[in-house]
PDB file of N, CA and C in Angstrom:
ATOM      1  N   MET A   1       2.266  17.676   0.807  1.00  0.00           N
ATOM      2  CA  MET A   1       1.671  16.832   0.681  1.00  0.00           C
ATOM      3  C   MET A   1       0.837  17.511   2.197  1.00  0.00           C
ATOM      4  N   ASN A   2      -0.595  16.977   2.065  1.00  0.00           N
ATOM      5  CA  ASN A   2      -1.272  17.310   3.055  1.00  0.00           C
ATOM      6  C   ASN A   2      -2.363  16.041   3.620  1.00  0.00           C
ATOM      7  N   LEU A   3      -2.767  15.948   4.771  1.00  0.00           N
ATOM      8  CA  LEU A   3      -3.553  14.604   5.138  1.00  0.00           C
ATOM      9  C   LEU A   3      -4.456  14.163   4.238  1.00  0.00           C
ATOM     10  N   GLU A   4      -5.405  15.042   3.643  1.00  0.00           N
ATOM     11  CA  GLU A   4      -6.353  14.757   2.882  1.00  0.00           C
ATOM     12  C   GLU A   4      -5.816  14.093   1.295  1.00  0.00           C
ATOM     13  N   THR A   5      -4.389  14.696   1.048  1.00  0.00           N
ATOM     14  CA  THR A   5      -4.317  13.814  -0.111  1.00  0.00           C
ATOM     15  C   THR A   5      -3.631  12.531   0.257  1.00  0.00           C
ATOM     16  N   ALA A   6      -2.935  12.201   1.162  1.00  0.00           N
ATOM     17  CA  ALA A   6      -2.134  11.617   1.799  1.00  0.00           C
ATOM     18  C   ALA A   6      -2.948  10.147   1.983  1.00  0.00           C
ATOM     19  N   LEU A   7      -4.084  10.784   2.700  1.00  0.00           N
ATOM     20  CA  LEU A   7      -5.321   9.522   2.537  1.00  0.00           C
ATOM     21  C   LEU A   7      -5.966   9.354   1.499  1.00  0.00           C
ATOM     22  N   GLN A   8      -6.102  10.089   0.466  1.00  0.00           N
ATOM     23  CA  GLN A   8      -6.916   9.752  -0.950  1.00  0.00           C
ATOM     24  C   GLN A   8      -5.978   8.930  -1.606  1.00  0.00           C
ATOM     25  N   ILE A   9      -4.745   8.966  -1.620  1.00  0.00           N
ATOM     26  CA  ILE A   9      -3.545   8.335  -1.950  1.00  0.00           C
ATOM     27  C   ILE A   9      -3.460   6.729  -1.690  1.00  0.00           C
ATOM     28  N   VAL A  10      -3.460   6.914  -0.490  1.00  0.00           N
ATOM     29  CA  VAL A  10      -3.254   5.287   0.000  1.00  0.00           C
ATOM     30  C   VAL A  10      -5.055   4.637  -0.092  1.00  0.00           C
ATOM     31  N   ASP A  11      -6.112   5.093  -0.074  1.00  0.00           N
ATOM     32  CA  ASP A  11      -7.482   4.820  -0.271  1.00  0.00           C
ATOM     33  C   ASP A  11      -7.248   4.344  -1.972  1.00  0.00           C
ATOM     34  N   GLU A  12      -7.034   5.301  -2.756  1.00  0.00           N
ATOM     35  CA  GLU A  12      -7.071   4.784  -4.191  1.00  0.00           C
ATOM     36  C   GLU A  12      -5.837   3.714  -4.747  1.00  0.00           C
ATOM     37  N   ARG A  13      -4.734   4.034  -4.269  1.00  0.00           N
ATOM     38  CA  ARG A  13      -3.836   3.034  -4.544  1.00  0.00           C
ATOM     39  C   ARG A  13      -3.852   1.557  -3.605  1.00  0.00           C
ATOM     40  N   LEU A  14      -4.677   1.530  -2.611  1.00  0.00           N
ATOM     41  CA  LEU A  14      -4.929   0.079  -2.203  1.00  0.00           C
ATOM     42  C   LEU A  14      -6.244  -0.281  -1.768  1.00  0.00           C
ATOM     43  N   LEU A  15      -7.340   0.372  -1.697  1.00  0.00           N
ATOM     44  CA  LEU A  15      -8.741  -0.060  -1.705  1.00  0.00           C
ATOM     45  C   LEU A  15      -9.601   0.190  -3.022  1.00  0.00           C
ATOM     46  N   GLY A  16      -9.312   1.319  -3.876  1.00  0.00           N
ATOM     47  CA  GLY A  16     -10.176   1.677  -4.882  1.00  0.00           C
ATOM     48  C   GLY A  16      -9.933   0.618  -6.171  1.00  0.00           C
ATOM     49  N   GLU A  17     -11.170   0.637  -6.795  1.00  0.00           N
ATOM     50  CA  GLU A  17     -11.339  -0.400  -8.203  1.00  0.00           C
ATOM     51  C   GLU A  17     -10.246  -0.395  -8.545  1.00  0.00           C
ATOM     52  N   ASN A  18      -9.353   0.484  -9.045  1.00  0.00           N
ATOM     53  CA  ASN A  18      -8.424   0.492  -9.682  1.00  0.00           C
ATOM     54  C   ASN A  18      -6.664   0.652  -8.820  1.00  0.00           C
ATOM     55  N   SER A  19      -6.893   0.155  -8.079  1.00  0.00           N
ATOM     56  CA  SER A  19      -5.836  -0.033  -6.723  1.00  0.00           C
ATOM     57  C   SER A  19      -4.819  -1.000  -7.391  1.00  0.00           C
ATOM     58  N   ILE A  20      -3.812  -0.817  -6.717  1.00  0.00           N
ATOM     59  CA  ILE A  20      -2.359  -1.956  -7.040  1.00  0.00           C
ATOM     60  C   ILE A  20      -2.900  -3.065  -7.252  1.00  0.00           C
ATOM     61  N   PRO A  21      -3.388  -3.590  -6.203  1.00  0.00           N
ATOM     62  CA  PRO A  21      -3.640  -5.265  -5.929  1.00  0.00           C
ATOM     63  C   PRO A  21      -4.743  -5.318  -7.022  1.00  0.00           C
ATOM     64  N   VAL A  22      -5.650  -4.657  -7.576  1.00  0.00           N
ATOM     65  CA  VAL A  22      -6.509  -4.984  -8.519  1.00  0.00           C
ATOM     66  C   VAL A  22      -5.772  -4.958 -10.031  1.00  0.00           C
ATOM     67  N   LYS A  23      -4.876  -4.272 -10.377  1.00  0.00           N
ATOM     68  CA  LYS A  23      -4.180  -3.950 -11.587  1.00  0.00           C
ATOM     69  C   LYS A  23      -3.258  -5.352 -11.599  1.00  0.00           C
ATOM     70  N   ILE A  24      -2.626  -5.465 -10.090  1.00  0.00           N
ATOM     71  CA  ILE A  24      -1.586  -6.936 -10.303  1.00  0.00           C
ATOM     72  C   ILE A  24      -2.571  -8.242 -10.996  1.00  0.00           C
ATOM     73  N   ARG A  25      -3.671  -8.204 -10.446  1.00  0.00           N
ATOM     74  CA  ARG A  25      -4.507  -9.415 -10.501  1.00  0.00           C
ATOM     75  C   ARG A  25      -5.075  -9.320 -11.867  1.00  0.00           C
ATOM     76  N   SER A  26      -5.417  -8.492 -12.109  1.00  0.00           N
ATOM     77  CA  SER A  26      -6.118  -7.771 -13.549  1.00  0.00           C
ATOM     78  C   SER A  26      -4.878  -7.883 -14.545  1.00  0.00           C
ATOM     79  N   LYS A  27      -3.585  -8.202 -14.277  1.00  0.00           N
ATOM     80  CA  LYS A  27      -2.574  -7.904 -15.322  1.00  0.00           C
ATOM     81  C   LYS A  27      -2.503  -6.319 -16.031  1.00  0.00           C
ATOM     82  N   GLU A  28      -3.108  -5.729 -15.284  1.00  0.00           N
ATOM     83  CA  GLU A  28      -2.787  -4.351 -15.908  1.00  0.00           C
ATOM     84  C   GLU A  28      -1.611  -3.309 -15.575  1.00  0.00           C
ATOM     85  N   LYS A  29      -0.761  -2.952 -16.130  1.00  0.00           N
ATOM     86  CA  LYS A  29       0.267  -2.183 -15.941  1.00  0.00           C
ATOM     87  C   LYS A  29       0.228  -1.206 -15.040  1.00  0.00           C
ATOM     88  N   LEU A  30       0.995  -1.116 -14.355  1.00  0.00           N
ATOM     89  CA  LEU A  30       1.523  -0.302 -13.042  1.00  0.00           C
ATOM     90  C   LEU A  30       2.177   1.032 -13.713  1.00  0.00           C
ATOM     91  N   SER A  31       1.701   2.363 -13.240  1.00  0.00           N
ATOM     92  CA  SER A  31       2.427   3.391 -13.748  1.00  0.00           C
ATOM     93  C   SER A  31       3.441   3.623 -12.800  1.00  0.00           C
ATOM     94  N   GLU A  32       4.744   4.111 -13.550  1.00  0.00           N
ATOM     95  CA  GLU A  32       5.764   4.200 -12.798  1.00  0.00           C
ATOM     96  C   GLU A  32       5.833   4.725 -11.658  1.00  0.00           C
ATOM     97  N   ASN A  33       4.750   5.760 -11.484  1.00  0.00           N
ATOM     98  CA  ASN A  33       4.845   6.566 -10.304  1.00  0.00           C
ATOM     99  C   ASN A  33       3.671   6.270  -9.020  1.00  0.00           C
ATOM    100  N   GLU A  34       2.968   5.019  -9.381  1.00  0.00           N
ATOM    101  CA  GLU A  34       1.830   4.516  -8.549  1.00  0.00           C
ATOM    102  C   GLU A  34       2.446   4.234  -7.209  1.00  0.00           C
ATOM    103  N   TYR A  35       3.376   3.271  -7.185  1.00  0.00           N
ATOM    104  CA  TYR A  35       3.941   2.703  -6.065  1.00  0.00           C
ATOM    105  C   TYR A  35       4.782   3.598  -5.464  1.00  0.00           C
ATOM    106  N   PRO A  36       5.450   4.578  -5.790  1.00  0.00           N
ATOM    107  CA  PRO A  36       6.355   5.434  -5.011  1.00  0.00           C
ATOM    108  C   PRO A  36       5.627   6.333  -4.420  1.00  0.00           C
ATOM    109  N   GLU A  37       4.372   6.754  -5.391  1.00  0.00           N
ATOM    110  CA  GLU A  37       3.592   8.023  -4.735  1.00  0.00           C
ATOM    111  C   GLU A  37       3.018   7.244  -3.542  1.00  0.00           C
ATOM    112  N   LEU A  38       2.481   6.038  -3.663  1.00  0.00           N
ATOM    113  CA  LEU A  38       1.859   5.549  -2.270  1.00  0.00           C
ATOM    114  C   LEU A  38       2.859   5.406  -1.063  1.00  0.00           C
ATOM    115  N   ILE A  39       4.017   5.022  -1.694  1.00  0.00           N
ATOM    116  CA  ILE A  39       4.988   5.176  -0.082  1.00  0.00           C
ATOM    117  C   ILE A  39       5.179   6.250   0.097  1.00  0.00           C
ATOM    118  N   THR A  40       5.416   7.332  -0.581  1.00  0.00           N
ATOM    119  CA  THR A  40       5.610   8.921  -0.102  1.00  0.00           C
ATOM    120  C   THR A  40       4.267   8.995   1.055  1.00  0.00           C
ATOM    121  N   ALA A  41       3.341   8.562   0.587  1.00  0.00           N
ATOM    122  CA  ALA A  41       1.942   9.102   1.258  1.00  0.00           C
ATOM    123  C   ALA A  41       1.649   8.612   2.528  1.00  0.00           C
ATOM    124  N   ILE A  42       2.172   7.247   2.726  1.00  0.00           N
ATOM    125  CA  ILE A  42       2.656   6.243   3.774  1.00  0.00           C
ATOM    126  C   ILE A  42       3.179   7.026   4.566  1.00  0.00           C
ATOM    127  N   HIS A  43       4.721   7.563   4.115  1.00  0.00           N
ATOM    128  CA  HIS A  43       5.563   8.219   5.026  1.00  0.00           C
ATOM    129  C   HIS A  43       5.020   9.337   5.650  1.00  0.00           C
ATOM    130  N   PHE A  44       4.456  10.089   5.135  1.00  0.00           N
ATOM    131  CA  PHE A  44       3.478  11.028   5.543  1.00  0.00           C
ATOM    132  C   PHE A  44       2.761  10.673   6.610  1.00  0.00           C
ATOM    133  N   LEU A  45       1.702   9.851   6.551  1.00  0.00           N
ATOM    134  CA  LEU A  45       0.973   9.355   7.253  1.00  0.00           C
ATOM    135  C   LEU A  45       1.759   8.932   8.409  1.00  0.00           C
ATOM    136  N   ILE A  46       2.663   8.257   8.082  1.00  0.00           N
ATOM    137  CA  ILE A  46       3.695   7.488   9.769  1.00  0.00           C
ATOM    138  C   ILE A  46       3.724   8.937  10.579  1.00  0.00           C
ATOM    139  N   ASP A  47       4.454   9.708   9.800  1.00  0.00           N
ATOM    140  CA  ASP A  47       4.777  11.177  10.734  1.00  0.00           C
ATOM    141  C   ASP A  47       3.445  11.829  11.307  1.00  0.00           C
ATOM    142  N   TYR A  48       2.402  12.006  10.628  1.00  0.00           N
ATOM    143  CA  TYR A  48       1.266  12.522  10.867  1.00  0.00           C
ATOM    144  C   TYR A  48       0.552  11.823  11.912  1.00  0.00           C
ATOM    145  N   TYR A  49       0.531  10.506  12.446  1.00  0.00           N
ATOM    146  CA  TYR A  49      -0.010   9.863  13.235  1.00  0.00           C
ATOM    147  C   TYR A  49       0.630   9.417  14.446  1.00  0.00           C
ATOM    148  N   LYS A  50       2.251   9.957  14.477  1.00  0.00           N
ATOM    149  CA  LYS A  50       2.881   9.252  15.154  1.00  0.00           C
ATOM    150  C   LYS A  50       2.375   9.706  16.597  1.00  0.00           C
ATOM    151  N   ASN A  51       2.310   9.078  17.851  1.00  0.00           N
ATOM    152  CA  ASN A  51       1.919   9.021  18.939  1.00  0.00           C
ATOM    153  C   ASN A  51       0.809   9.506  19.156  1.00  0.00           C
ATOM    154  N   THR A  52       0.265   9.089  17.912  1.00  0.00           N
ATOM    155  CA  THR A  52      -1.785   9.176  18.151  1.00  0.00           C
ATOM    156  C   THR A  52      -2.100   8.060  18.681  1.00  0.00           C
ATOM    157  N   GLU A  53      -3.399   7.812  19.001  1.00  0.00           N
ATOM    158  CA  GLU A  53      -4.259   6.092  18.920  1.00  0.00           C
ATOM    159  C   GLU A  53      -5.121   6.360  18.143  1.00  0.00           C
ATOM    160  N   ASN A  54      -5.560   7.287  17.546  1.00  0.00           N
ATOM    161  CA  ASN A  54      -6.607   7.661  16.601  1.00  0.00           C
ATOM    162  C   ASN A  54      -6.355   7.319  15.406  1.00  0.00           C
ATOM    163  N   ILE A  55      -6.686   6.608  14.521  1.00  0.00           N
ATOM    164  CA  ILE A  55      -6.390   6.423  12.910  1.00  0.00           C
ATOM    165  C   ILE A  55      -7.501   6.240  12.503  1.00  0.00           C
ATOM    166  N   PRO A  56      -8.007   7.159  11.440  1.00  0.00           N
ATOM    167  CA  PRO A  56      -9.295   6.272  11.030  1.00  0.00           C
ATOM    168  C   PRO A  56      -9.357   4.953  10.242  1.00  0.00           C
ATOM    169  N   LYS A  57     -10.763   4.226  10.365  1.00  0.00           N
ATOM    170  CA  LYS A  57     -10.819   3.078  10.150  1.00  0.00           C
ATOM    171  C   LYS A  57     -10.580   2.639   8.771  1.00  0.00           C
ATOM    172  N   LYS A  58     -10.912   3.734   7.798  1.00  0.00           N
ATOM    173  CA  LYS A  58     -10.789   3.278   6.386  1.00  0.00           C
ATOM    174  C   LYS A  58      -8.934   3.230   6.171  1.00  0.00           C
ATOM    175  N   LEU A  59      -8.332   3.867   6.967  1.00  0.00           N
ATOM    176  CA  LEU A  59      -6.805   3.656   6.686  1.00  0.00           C
ATOM    177  C   LEU A  59      -6.338   2.410   7.037  1.00  0.00           C
ATOM    178  N   ALA A  60      -7.039   2.149   8.281  1.00  0.00           N
ATOM    179  CA  ALA A  60      -6.515   0.920   9.072  1.00  0.00           C
ATOM    180  C   ALA A  60      -6.993  -0.165   8.158  1.00  0.00           C
ATOM    181  N   LEU A  61      -8.156  -0.072   7.482  1.00  0.00           N
ATOM    182  CA  LEU A  61      -8.809  -1.011   6.764  1.00  0.00           C
ATOM    183  C   LEU A  61      -7.870  -1.626   5.159  1.00  0.00           C
ATOM    184  N   ALA A  62      -7.024  -0.525   4.846  1.00  0.00           N
ATOM    185  CA  ALA A  62      -6.311  -0.414   3.763  1.00  0.00           C
ATOM    186  C   ALA A  62      -5.098  -1.583   3.960  1.00  0.00           C
ATOM    187  N   PHE A  63      -4.621  -1.400   5.210  1.00  0.00           N
ATOM    188  CA  PHE A  63      -3.699  -2.482   5.393  1.00  0.00           C
ATOM    189  C   PHE A  63      -3.955  -3.555   5.950  1.00  0.00           C
ATOM    190  N   VAL A  64      -5.338  -4.081   6.213  1.00  0.00           N
ATOM    191  CA  VAL A  64      -5.374  -5.446   6.707  1.00  0.00           C
ATOM    192  C   VAL A  64      -5.122  -6.545   5.790  1.00  0.00           C
ATOM    193  N   ASP A  65      -4.449  -7.537   6.169  1.00  0.00           N
ATOM    194  CA  ASP A  65      -3.743  -8.477   5.363  1.00  0.00           C
ATOM    195  C   ASP A  65      -3.170  -8.145   4.115  1.00  0.00           C
ATOM    196  N   ILE A  66      -2.569  -6.860   4.466  1.00  0.00           N
ATOM    197  CA  ILE A  66      -1.954  -6.269   2.818  1.00  0.00           C
ATOM    198  C   ILE A  66      -1.027  -7.022   2.524  1.00  0.00           C
ATOM    199  N   SER A  67      -0.018  -7.929   2.693  1.00  0.00           N
ATOM    200  CA  SER A  67       1.054  -8.367   2.100  1.00  0.00           C
ATOM    201  C   SER A  67       0.191  -9.741   1.170  1.00  0.00           C
ATOM    202  N   ASN A  68      -0.610 -10.480   1.533  1.00  0.00           N
ATOM    203  CA  ASN A  68      -1.239 -11.544   1.005  1.00  0.00           C
ATOM    204  C   ASN A  68      -1.926 -10.824  -0.363  1.00  0.00           C
ATOM    205  N   TYR A  69      -2.028  -9.292  -0.466  1.00  0.00           N
ATOM    206  CA  TYR A  69      -2.775  -8.857  -1.971  1.00  0.00           C
ATOM    207  C   TYR A  69      -1.219  -8.892  -2.930  1.00  0.00           C
ATOM    208  N   PHE A  70       0.044  -9.248  -2.471  1.00  0.00           N
ATOM    209  CA  PHE A  70       0.967  -9.150  -3.380  1.00  0.00           C
ATOM    210  C   PHE A  70       1.472 -10.493  -3.411  1.00  0.00           C
ATOM    211  N   PHE A  71       1.102 -11.402  -2.777  1.00  0.00           N
ATOM    212  CA  PHE A  71       1.888 -12.847  -3.206  1.00  0.00           C
ATOM    213  C   PHE A  71       1.167 -13.399  -4.056  1.00  0.00           C
ATOM    214  N   ILE A  72       1.389 -13.518  -5.478  1.00  0.00           N
ATOM    215  CA  ILE A  72       0.034 -14.126  -6.133  1.00  0.00           C
ATOM    216  C   ILE A  72       0.691 -15.324  -7.029  1.00  0.00           C
ATOM    217  N   SER A  73       0.006 -16.391  -7.294  1.00  0.00           N
ATOM    218  CA  SER A  73       0.488 -17.148  -8.427  1.00  0.00           C
ATOM    219  C   SER A  73       1.024 -17.035  -9.658  1.00  0.00           C
ATOM    220  N   ASN A  74       1.894 -17.311 -10.449  1.00  0.00           N
ATOM    221  CA  ASN A  74       2.010 -16.784 -11.518  1.00  0.00           C
ATOM    222  C   ASN A  74       1.583 -16.006 -12.538  1.00  0.00           C
ATOM    223  N   HIS A  75       0.259 -16.149 -12.600  1.00  0.00           N
ATOM    224  CA  HIS A  75      -0.598 -15.560 -13.690  1.00  0.00           C
ATOM    225  C   HIS A  75      -0.105 -14.281 -14.959  1.00  0.00           C
ATOM    226  N   ASN A  76       1.184 -15.734 -15.142  1.00  0.00           N
ATOM    227  CA  ASN A  76       2.069 -15.058 -16.346  1.00  0.00           C
ATOM    228  C   ASN A  76       2.783 -14.166 -16.446  1.00  0.00           C
ATOM    229  N   TYR A  77       3.162 -13.887 -14.783  1.00  0.00           N
ATOM    230  CA  TYR A  77       4.378 -12.460 -14.850  1.00  0.00           C
ATOM    231  C   TYR A  77       5.703 -13.807 -14.570  1.00  0.00           C
ATOM    232  N   SER A  78       6.705 -12.834 -15.258  1.00  0.00           N
ATOM    233  CA  SER A  78       7.973 -13.367 -14.914  1.00  0.00           C
ATOM    234  C   SER A  78       8.355 -13.391 -13.758  1.00  0.00           C
ATOM    235  N   GLU A  79       9.359 -14.195 -13.229  1.00  0.00           N
ATOM    236  CA  GLU A  79       9.788 -14.551 -11.625  1.00  0.00           C
ATOM    237  C   GLU A  79      10.391 -13.048 -10.799  1.00  0.00           C
ATOM    238  N   LYS A  80      10.791 -12.192 -12.031  1.00  0.00           N
ATOM    239  CA  LYS A  80      11.446 -10.831 -11.453  1.00  0.00           C
ATOM    240  C   LYS A  80       9.783 -10.165 -11.031  1.00  0.00           C
ATOM    241  N   GLU A  81       9.282 -10.139 -11.830  1.00  0.00           N
ATOM    242  CA  GLU A  81       7.550  -9.397 -11.615  1.00  0.00           C
ATOM    243  C   GLU A  81       7.159  -9.955 -10.328  1.00  0.00           C
ATOM    244  N   ILE A  82       7.091 -11.101 -10.040  1.00  0.00           N
ATOM    245  CA  ILE A  82       6.429 -11.643  -8.874  1.00  0.00           C
ATOM    246  C   ILE A  82       7.242 -11.433  -7.869  1.00  0.00           C
ATOM    247  N   GLU A  83       8.537 -11.555  -7.799  1.00  0.00           N
ATOM    248  CA  GLU A  83       9.534 -10.887  -6.544  1.00  0.00           C
ATOM    249  C   GLU A  83       9.486  -9.464  -6.442  1.00  0.00           C
ATOM    250  N   LEU A  84       8.798  -8.893  -7.253  1.00  0.00           N
ATOM    251  CA  LEU A  84       8.855  -7.243  -6.900  1.00  0.00           C
ATOM    252  C   LEU A  84       7.345  -6.973  -6.361  1.00  0.00           C
ATOM    253  N   PHE A  85       6.490  -7.833  -6.797  1.00  0.00           N
ATOM    254  CA  PHE A  85       5.468  -7.555  -6.100  1.00  0.00           C
ATOM    255  C   PHE A  85       5.562  -8.027  -4.863  1.00  0.00           C
ATOM    256  N   GLU A  86       6.188  -9.445  -4.451  1.00  0.00           N
ATOM    257  CA  GLU A  86       6.287  -9.686  -3.153  1.00  0.00           C
ATOM    258  C   GLU A  86       7.042  -8.718  -2.331  1.00  0.00           C
ATOM    259  N   ASP A  87       7.977  -8.048  -2.925  1.00  0.00           N
ATOM    260  CA  ASP A  87       8.728  -7.185  -2.384  1.00  0.00           C
ATOM    261  C   ASP A  87       7.962  -5.647  -1.832  1.00  0.00           C
ATOM    262  N   TYR A  88       6.946  -5.861  -2.851  1.00  0.00           N
ATOM    263  CA  TYR A  88       5.948  -4.556  -2.305  1.00  0.00           C
ATOM    264  C   TYR A  88       5.002  -5.169  -1.019  1.00  0.00           C
ATOM    265  N   GLY A  89       4.330  -6.366  -1.026  1.00  0.00           N
ATOM    266  CA  GLY A  89       3.999  -6.533  -0.182  1.00  0.00           C
ATOM    267  C   GLY A  89       4.678  -6.795   1.253  1.00  0.00           C
ATOM    268  N   ILE A  90       5.854  -6.975   1.260  1.00  0.00           N
ATOM    269  CA  ILE A  90       6.554  -6.882   2.588  1.00  0.00           C
ATOM    270  C   ILE A  90       7.039  -5.256   3.081  1.00  0.00           C
ATOM    271  N   GLU A  91       7.553  -4.658   1.858  1.00  0.00           N
ATOM    272  CA  GLU A  91       7.306  -2.926   2.417  1.00  0.00           C
ATOM    273  C   GLU A  91       6.058  -2.527   3.045  1.00  0.00           C
ATOM    274  N   LEU A  92       4.953  -3.028   2.403  1.00  0.00           N
ATOM    275  CA  LEU A  92       3.803  -2.437   2.871  1.00  0.00           C
ATOM    276  C   LEU A  92       3.317  -2.851   4.448  1.00  0.00           C
ATOM    277  N   SER A  93       3.620  -4.126   4.691  1.00  0.00           N
ATOM    278  CA  SER A  93       3.663  -4.488   5.606  1.00  0.00           C
ATOM    279  C   SER A  93       4.348  -4.099   7.029  1.00  0.00           C
ATOM    280  N   ARG A  94       5.695  -3.784   6.618  1.00  0.00           N
ATOM    281  CA  ARG A  94       6.476  -3.055   7.716  1.00  0.00           C
ATOM    282  C   ARG A  94       6.021  -1.789   7.718  1.00  0.00           C
ATOM    283  N   LEU A  95       5.735  -1.132   6.858  1.00  0.00           N
ATOM    284  CA  LEU A  95       5.341   0.422   7.276  1.00  0.00           C
ATOM    285  C   LEU A  95       4.072   0.236   7.922  1.00  0.00           C
ATOM    286  N   ALA A  96       2.970  -0.520   7.579  1.00  0.00           N
ATOM    287  CA  ALA A  96       1.766  -0.508   8.379  1.00  0.00           C
ATOM    288  C   ALA A  96       2.151  -1.055  10.254  1.00  0.00           C
ATOM    289  N   GLU A  97       3.132  -1.946  10.125  1.00  0.00           N
ATOM    290  CA  GLU A  97       3.648  -1.868  11.809  1.00  0.00           C
ATOM    291  C   GLU A  97       4.021  -0.448  12.041  1.00  0.00           C
ATOM    292  N   GLU A  98       4.789   0.091  11.439  1.00  0.00           N
ATOM    293  CA  GLU A  98       5.099   1.356  11.575  1.00  0.00           C
ATOM    294  C   GLU A  98       4.088   2.642  12.093  1.00  0.00           C
ATOM    295  N   LEU A  99       3.067   2.706  11.077  1.00  0.00           N
ATOM    296  CA  LEU A  99       1.976   3.292  11.139  1.00  0.00           C
ATOM    297  C   LEU A  99       1.362   3.193  12.440  1.00  0.00           C
ATOM    298  N   PHE A 100       1.081   1.910  12.772  1.00  0.00           N
ATOM    299  CA  PHE A 100       0.076   1.726  14.029  1.00  0.00           C
ATOM    300  C   PHE A 100       0.873   1.247  15.065  1.00  0.00           C
ATOM    301  N   SER A 101       2.084   1.607  15.304  1.00  0.00           N
ATOM    302  CA  SER A 101       2.758   1.223  16.282  1.00  0.00           C
ATOM    303  C   SER A 101       2.917   2.162  17.099  1.00  0.00           C
ATOM    304  N   ASN A 102       3.013   2.333  18.732  1.00  0.00           N
ATOM    305  CA  ASN A 102       2.838   3.747  19.709  1.00  0.00           C
ATOM    306  C   ASN A 102       4.418   4.319  19.551  1.00  0.00           C
ATOM    307  N   GLU A 103       4.974   3.679  18.939  1.00  0.00           N
ATOM    308  CA  GLU A 103       6.516   4.325  19.433  1.00  0.00           C
ATOM    309  C   GLU A 103       6.973   5.261  18.670  1.00  0.00           C
TER     310      GLU A 103
END
């Protein structure tokens, strides 16, 4: 993976018109690789931006209030699906903290 690819994946998966949060809200099925691919890209970016203070604004925007996009009311999802989405939000919040920390 390279920087451009990782940034594009985060943009598409978190901000794009077919992003994961949009798909969840519109009850579209997520493909098996969408979330794992996003996590892989974020891990790459965490390593890439480690010990740097300059992170692109668009990347920062992708994580603003991220967990709230994954805490949904029922929307006719099963309890298992709701818990999975909440786990996504929690994990993404944790990764955002890691990405933006100076440690």
